[in-house]
Amino acid sequence: MRPVVSWMTKSDDAILELLDECGIAIPPRAIAFNVDNVSRPTIDRRLPKLEHAGLVERYDDPQGYTRITDRGRAYLVGELDTDDLE
């Protein structure tokens, strides 16, 4: 079971799940296109928070491309404690 983390939103889980499913780095526009009910501005706000927590890795070249990290995968399968993410 995934930990409940105070700063995370349902959008964060949807973003991480998409990145895990696709298995490649994709731009924010593609994330927004493929995640239901999550707008591009929300994606743009959430990705830096997920990156700061080490759940995703963002690339400068090509600009904005993002992929899930091993830590992000560990979160999805419930292998991280809340303390690891606060």
Protein backbone atom coordinates (compact mmCIF):
# COMPACT_ATOMS: atom_id res chain seq x y z
CA MET A 1 0.00 0.00 0.00
CA ARG A 2 1.28 3.46 -0.89
CA PRO A 3 2.07 5.84 1.94
CA VAL A 4 -0.22 8.81 2.47
CA VAL A 5 1.98 11.87 2.14
CA SER A 6 0.61 15.26 3.20
CA TRP A 7 2.04 17.28 0.30
CA MET A 8 1.07 14.85 -2.45
CA THR A 9 -2.13 14.98 -4.51
CA LYS A 10 -4.09 12.47 -6.58
CA SER A 11 -2.55 14.12 -9.62
CA ASP A 12 0.90 13.06 -8.41
CA ASP A 13 -0.12 9.41 -8.35
CA ALA A 14 -1.61 9.69 -11.84
CA ILE A 15 1.56 11.33 -13.17
CA LEU A 16 3.80 8.68 -11.61
CA GLU A 17 1.59 5.84 -12.83
CA LEU A 18 1.72 7.15 -16.42
CA LEU A 19 5.49 7.56 -16.33
CA ASP A 20 5.86 4.06 -14.91
CA GLU A 21 3.58 2.56 -17.56
CA CYS A 22 5.28 4.24 -20.51
CA GLY A 23 8.80 3.54 -19.24
CA ILE A 24 10.38 6.42 -21.15
CA ALA A 25 11.01 10.13 -20.63
CA ILE A 26 8.18 12.25 -22.01
CA PRO A 27 7.44 15.99 -22.09
CA PRO A 28 4.89 17.67 -19.81
CA ARG A 29 2.53 18.19 -22.76
CA ALA A 30 2.38 14.41 -23.34
CA ILE A 31 1.80 13.78 -19.64
CA ALA A 32 -1.11 16.24 -19.60
CA PHE A 33 -2.54 14.73 -22.79
CA ASN A 34 -2.48 11.21 -21.35
CA VAL A 35 -3.61 11.80 -17.76
CA ASP A 36 -7.37 12.26 -17.40
CA ASN A 37 -8.61 15.30 -15.49
CA VAL A 38 -5.16 16.80 -14.91
CA SER A 39 -4.42 20.07 -16.69
CA ARG A 40 -1.12 21.20 -18.13
CA PRO A 41 -0.75 23.94 -15.47
CA THR A 42 -1.21 21.28 -12.77
CA ILE A 43 1.43 19.10 -14.41
CA ASP A 44 3.78 22.10 -14.52
CA ARG A 45 3.21 22.76 -10.79
CA ARG A 46 3.51 19.15 -9.64
CA LEU A 47 6.60 17.98 -11.57
CA PRO A 48 9.08 20.18 -9.63
CA LYS A 49 7.67 18.85 -6.34
CA LEU A 50 7.99 15.25 -7.53
CA GLU A 51 11.52 15.97 -8.72
CA HIS A 52 12.46 17.53 -5.37
CA ALA A 53 11.25 14.34 -3.65
CA GLY A 54 13.37 12.24 -6.01
CA LEU A 55 10.35 10.51 -7.56
CA VAL A 56 11.00 11.79 -11.07
CA GLU A 57 14.00 13.03 -13.01
CA ARG A 58 13.66 15.98 -15.33
CA TYR A 59 16.00 16.73 -18.21
CA ASP A 60 17.21 20.08 -19.49
CA ASP A 61 17.90 18.66 -22.94
CA PRO A 62 15.42 17.97 -24.35
CA GLN A 63 13.77 20.57 -22.19
CA GLY A 64 11.24 19.36 -19.66
CA TYR A 65 11.31 15.67 -20.53
CA THR A 66 10.59 13.67 -17.40
CA ARG A 67 10.94 10.04 -16.37
CA ILE A 68 10.14 8.14 -13.19
CA THR A 69 13.04 7.14 -10.94
CA ASP A 70 13.60 3.92 -9.03
CA ARG A 71 12.47 5.81 -5.95
CA GLY A 72 9.26 6.75 -7.77
CA ARG A 73 8.66 3.09 -8.62
CA ALA A 74 9.31 2.15 -4.98
CA TYR A 75 6.66 4.67 -3.93
CA LEU A 76 4.13 3.21 -6.37
CA VAL A 77 4.55 -0.31 -4.98
CA GLY A 78 4.46 0.88 -1.37
CA GLU A 79 8.11 0.32 -0.51
CA LEU A 80 8.71 3.85 0.85
CA ASP A 81 7.69 5.09 4.29
CA THR A 82 5.92 8.39 4.81
CA ASP A 83 9.03 9.64 6.62
CA ASP A 84 11.02 9.09 3.43
CA LEU A 85 8.80 11.55 1.58
CA GLU A 86 7.94 14.27 4.10
